[in-house]
Protein backbone atom coordinates (compact mmCIF):
# COMPACT_ATOMS: atom_id res chain seq x y z
CA MET A 1 0.00 0.00 0.00
CA HIS A 2 3.08 2.22 0.04
CA GLU A 3 2.54 5.31 -2.13
CA SER A 4 -0.96 4.17 -3.09
CA GLU A 5 -2.18 7.70 -2.38
CA THR A 6 -0.95 9.01 -5.71
CA LEU A 7 -1.22 6.03 -8.06
CA PRO A 8 -3.85 6.36 -10.79
CA PHE A 9 -5.98 3.24 -11.14
CA GLN A 10 -8.05 2.16 -14.10
CA LYS A 11 -11.01 -0.17 -13.83
CA GLU A 12 -9.00 -3.15 -15.06
CA ASN A 13 -6.36 -2.50 -12.38
CA GLU A 14 -9.07 -2.41 -9.70
CA VAL A 15 -10.54 -5.69 -10.93
CA ALA A 16 -7.10 -7.33 -10.89
CA LEU A 17 -6.47 -6.04 -7.35
CA LEU A 18 -9.84 -7.30 -6.11
CA TRP A 19 -9.22 -10.70 -7.69
CA ALA A 20 -5.76 -11.00 -6.13
CA GLU A 21 -7.09 -9.81 -2.77
CA MET A 22 -9.81 -12.46 -2.77
CA ARG A 23 -7.28 -15.16 -3.60
CA MET A 24 -5.19 -14.06 -0.60
CA ILE A 25 -8.22 -13.88 1.69
CA ARG A 26 -9.35 -17.36 0.65
CA TRP A 27 -5.82 -18.67 1.17
CA THR A 28 -5.61 -17.02 4.61
CA GLY A 29 -8.96 -18.45 5.70
CA ASP A 30 -8.38 -21.80 3.98
CA VAL A 31 -11.66 -21.36 2.10
CA LYS A 32 -12.04 -22.93 -1.33
CA VAL A 33 -14.11 -21.40 -4.13
CA LYS A 34 -16.32 -24.52 -4.08
CA HIS A 35 -17.39 -23.59 -0.52
CA ARG A 36 -19.17 -20.59 -2.08
CA VAL A 37 -18.60 -18.24 0.85
CA PRO A 38 -19.42 -14.63 -0.15
CA CYS A 39 -16.56 -12.13 -0.25
CA LYS A 40 -18.32 -9.79 2.16
CA GLU A 41 -18.63 -12.51 4.77
CA MET A 42 -14.96 -13.42 4.55
CA ARG A 43 -13.88 -9.77 4.82
CA LYS A 44 -16.24 -9.26 7.76
CA GLY A 45 -14.82 -12.32 9.50
CA LEU A 46 -11.29 -11.01 9.08
CA GLY A 47 -12.31 -7.44 9.96
CA ILE A 48 -10.93 -5.86 6.78
CA ASP A 49 -12.27 -3.56 4.08
CA ASP A 50 -11.92 -4.27 0.40
CA ILE A 51 -8.76 -3.02 -1.27
CA ILE A 52 -10.53 -0.40 -3.40
CA SER A 53 -12.07 1.25 -0.31
CA VAL A 54 -8.66 1.31 1.36
CA LEU A 55 -7.11 2.93 -1.72
CA GLN A 56 -9.87 5.57 -1.81
CA GLN A 57 -9.40 6.31 1.89
CA ASN A 58 -5.64 6.69 1.39
CA ARG A 59 -6.22 9.10 -1.49
CA LEU A 60 -8.60 11.20 0.58
CA LEU A 61 -6.13 11.28 3.49
CA TRP A 62 -3.39 12.43 1.12
CA TYR A 63 -5.67 15.07 -0.42
CA GLY A 64 -6.54 16.41 3.04
CA HIS A 65 -2.84 16.50 3.90
CA VAL A 66 -2.12 18.52 0.74
CA LEU A 67 -5.00 20.94 1.41
CA ARG A 68 -3.62 21.67 4.90
CA LYS A 69 -0.21 22.65 3.53
CA GLU A 70 0.80 26.28 3.25
CA ASP A 71 -0.22 28.10 0.07
CA ASN A 72 3.39 28.59 -1.08
CA ASP A 73 4.23 24.86 -0.84
CA TRP A 74 5.04 23.30 -4.25
CA VAL A 75 2.73 20.33 -3.69
CA LYS A 76 -0.25 22.59 -3.05
CA LYS A 77 0.63 24.71 -6.07
CA CYS A 78 0.34 21.59 -8.24
CA ILE A 79 -3.40 21.31 -7.48
CA GLY A 80 -4.22 24.40 -9.52
CA TYR A 81 -1.60 23.83 -12.22
CA GLU A 82 -3.00 23.83 -15.75
CA VAL A 83 -1.04 22.18 -18.52
CA GLU A 84 -1.09 23.91 -21.87
CA GLY A 85 -1.69 22.01 -25.09
CA SER A 86 -3.70 18.93 -25.84
CA ARG A 87 -3.55 15.58 -24.19
CA PRO A 88 -1.67 12.96 -26.22
CA ARG A 89 -3.75 10.15 -27.66
CA CYS A 90 -3.35 6.76 -26.08
CA ARG A 91 -2.36 3.85 -28.23
CA PRO A 92 -5.16 1.34 -28.77
CA LYS A 93 -4.99 -1.92 -26.85
CA ARG A 94 -3.45 -4.90 -28.53
CA THR A 95 -5.74 -7.86 -28.92
């Protein structure tokens, strides 16, 4: 979770993280997929939130930290920074 406050995540990254998290939770609890135990129940039993919620909380904590900085701090100045020009086009995905 180190530096997760500033990493941009796309939907496919979130899905991969959730999938990996569930594999680890099942492994930790020695629960097989065939047992058909819902994800929410397993997380509740372990007392943890899902990885996406944790990432969102970390981002909000970081944002609050940046907002509390002094106005002349370079990190706070980056919030209002506007980049000139157009955004480069992304290459299409390979199939």
